[in-house]
Structure formats: C-alpha cells, structure tokens
Protein backbone atom coordinates (compact mmCIF):
# COMPACT_ATOMS: atom_id res chain seq x y z
CA UNK A 1 192.54 -5.26 85.48
CA UNK A 2 191.61 -1.58 85.60
CA UNK A 3 188.87 -0.24 83.33
CA UNK A 4 188.77 3.33 82.12
CA UNK A 5 185.85 5.54 83.05
CA UNK A 6 184.35 5.28 79.55
CA UNK A 7 184.63 1.48 79.61
CA UNK A 8 182.88 1.34 83.00
CA UNK A 9 180.12 3.66 81.79
CA UNK A 10 179.70 1.63 78.63
CA UNK A 11 179.40 -1.59 80.63
CA UNK A 12 176.88 0.03 82.98
CA UNK A 13 174.81 1.27 80.05
CA UNK A 14 174.73 -2.19 78.49
CA UNK A 15 173.66 -3.73 81.80
CA UNK A 16 170.88 -1.16 82.16
CA UNK A 17 169.61 -1.93 78.67
CA UNK A 18 169.68 -5.67 79.37
CA UNK A 19 167.78 -5.23 82.64
CA UNK A 20 165.25 -2.90 81.02
CA UNK A 21 164.65 -5.36 78.23
CA UNK A 22 164.33 -8.29 80.60
CA UNK A 23 162.27 -6.73 83.37
CA UNK A 24 160.71 -3.76 81.60
CA UNK A 25 159.11 -6.00 78.99
CA UNK A 26 157.64 -8.21 81.67
CA UNK A 27 156.22 -5.29 83.66
CA UNK A 28 154.87 -3.18 80.81
CA UNK A 29 151.18 -3.69 80.00
CA UNK A 30 150.90 -5.90 76.97
CA UNK A 31 148.13 -5.49 74.41
CA UNK A 32 145.77 -8.38 74.65
CA UNK A 33 143.27 -10.00 72.30
CA UNK A 34 139.76 -11.34 72.81
CA UNK A 35 140.97 -14.94 73.10
CA UNK A 36 143.18 -14.21 76.11
CA UNK A 37 141.51 -11.11 77.57
CA UNK A 38 140.01 -11.13 81.05
CA UNK A 39 137.65 -8.23 80.23
CA UNK A 40 135.86 -7.87 76.91
CA UNK A 41 133.60 -4.90 76.25
CA UNK A 42 131.60 -3.62 73.32
CA UNK A 43 131.01 0.12 73.01
CA UNK A 44 128.03 1.88 71.45
CA UNK A 45 130.39 4.04 69.36
CA UNK A 46 133.89 3.26 68.06
CA UNK A 47 136.67 4.15 70.49
CA UNK A 48 138.49 7.31 69.54
CA UNK A 49 141.86 5.84 70.45
CA UNK A 50 143.52 2.44 70.22
CA UNK A 51 144.56 2.26 73.85
CA UNK A 52 143.81 3.97 77.13
CA UNK A 53 143.87 3.39 80.85
CA UNK A 54 140.34 3.35 82.25
CA UNK A 55 139.01 1.82 85.43
CA UNK A 56 142.56 1.08 86.51
CA UNK A 57 143.39 -1.23 83.60
CA UNK A 58 145.06 -0.76 80.22
CA UNK A 59 142.53 -1.25 77.41
CA UNK A 60 143.27 -2.09 73.79
CA UNK A 61 140.44 -1.09 71.46
CA UNK A 62 139.58 -1.58 67.82
CA UNK A 63 136.39 -0.06 66.50
CA UNK A 64 133.73 -0.82 69.15
CA UNK A 65 135.52 -3.75 70.83
CA UNK A 66 137.88 -3.26 73.79
CA UNK A 67 139.85 -5.87 75.72
CA UNK A 68 142.00 -5.79 78.84
CA UNK A 69 143.90 -7.98 81.26
CA UNK A 70 142.63 -8.50 84.81
CA UNK A 71 142.66 -5.51 87.13
CA UNK A 72 142.48 -5.19 90.91
CA UNK A 73 138.95 -3.77 91.15
CA UNK A 74 135.52 -5.38 90.89
CA UNK A 75 134.11 -5.76 87.36
CA UNK A 76 131.47 -3.04 87.94
CA UNK A 77 134.15 -0.51 88.82
CA UNK A 78 136.20 -1.52 85.77
CA UNK A 79 133.09 -1.18 83.58
CA UNK A 80 132.24 2.26 85.00
CA UNK A 81 135.76 3.49 84.33
CA UNK A 82 135.53 2.28 80.76
CA UNK A 83 132.15 3.99 80.28
CA UNK A 84 133.54 7.27 81.64
CA UNK A 85 136.47 7.12 79.23
CA UNK A 86 134.75 5.88 76.05
CA UNK A 87 131.01 6.36 76.48
CA UNK A 88 128.17 3.84 76.57
CA UNK A 89 129.14 0.19 77.05
CA UNK A 90 126.68 -2.17 75.32
CA UNK A 91 128.19 -5.42 76.65
CA UNK A 92 130.80 -6.25 79.27
CA UNK A 93 132.21 -9.58 80.42
CA UNK A 94 134.78 -10.51 83.03
CA UNK A 95 136.45 -13.92 82.79
CA UNK A 96 133.76 -15.01 80.33
CA UNK A 97 130.85 -14.00 82.56
CA UNK A 98 128.54 -11.42 80.97
CA UNK A 99 127.37 -8.49 83.09
CA UNK A 100 123.57 -8.65 83.67
CA UNK A 101 121.41 -5.99 81.99
CA UNK A 102 120.62 -4.16 85.26
CA UNK A 103 124.31 -4.01 86.17
CA UNK A 104 125.21 -2.88 82.67
CA UNK A 105 122.71 -0.03 83.04
CA UNK A 106 124.41 0.96 86.33
CA UNK A 107 127.79 0.74 84.60
CA UNK A 108 126.55 3.34 82.11
CA UNK A 109 125.27 5.59 84.89
CA UNK A 110 121.58 4.92 84.36
C-alpha cells in the first residue's frame, strides 16, 4: 500500500501530537498543592504572579503561600532563590521540616 505525501504528513502529525501528549505531559512541571508539595513557603507580601521559576524549581503561588516539587539543590539554595524572586520569606519547609530561624534569616540575606 502506497500513501500519498499528505497522508504520510497527516499520520506523522498525529503521531507527534500523541507523543507530545503522552511524554510532554509527564515532563512538564505540574502545579502542586500544599498537601503534596515538597517545599512550602510563606512570603511577607503576596506574590505578584501565580507561578515562577526560582531557585531552580517551578513555584505555584497564591497570595502569600507558595509550593513546589522537589528540586536538585539544597533547601537553603531553593529558599534563597525564592527570596530573590518574591521578597522576604517568613517560613520555609522542605519535606515537612521547617527551616530554623537563623537559616531563614540567611535565606532572606540577613
């Protein structure tokens, strides 16, 4: 069976869409919530945007609360990146463990 050029292109396009849907959805950063988040942070002021990449992770924010999935860096580095992007961080936890007050001060550049 011989397919015309347009039929081959159409089949290729459908395969690309199927692969993008299957693999692209799995690789794209997914918004997370506080119940499943690895990092949970509270900001001194509401975040100006709903999502941003800071400290090497994709953050989802609502008002003063931001959450993110696990990144590759140490929690202090993640916290510092968040503080640089959004301003003062008033609380920060990684995998349920709260950052100590002295480390939180360092996170904020104090």
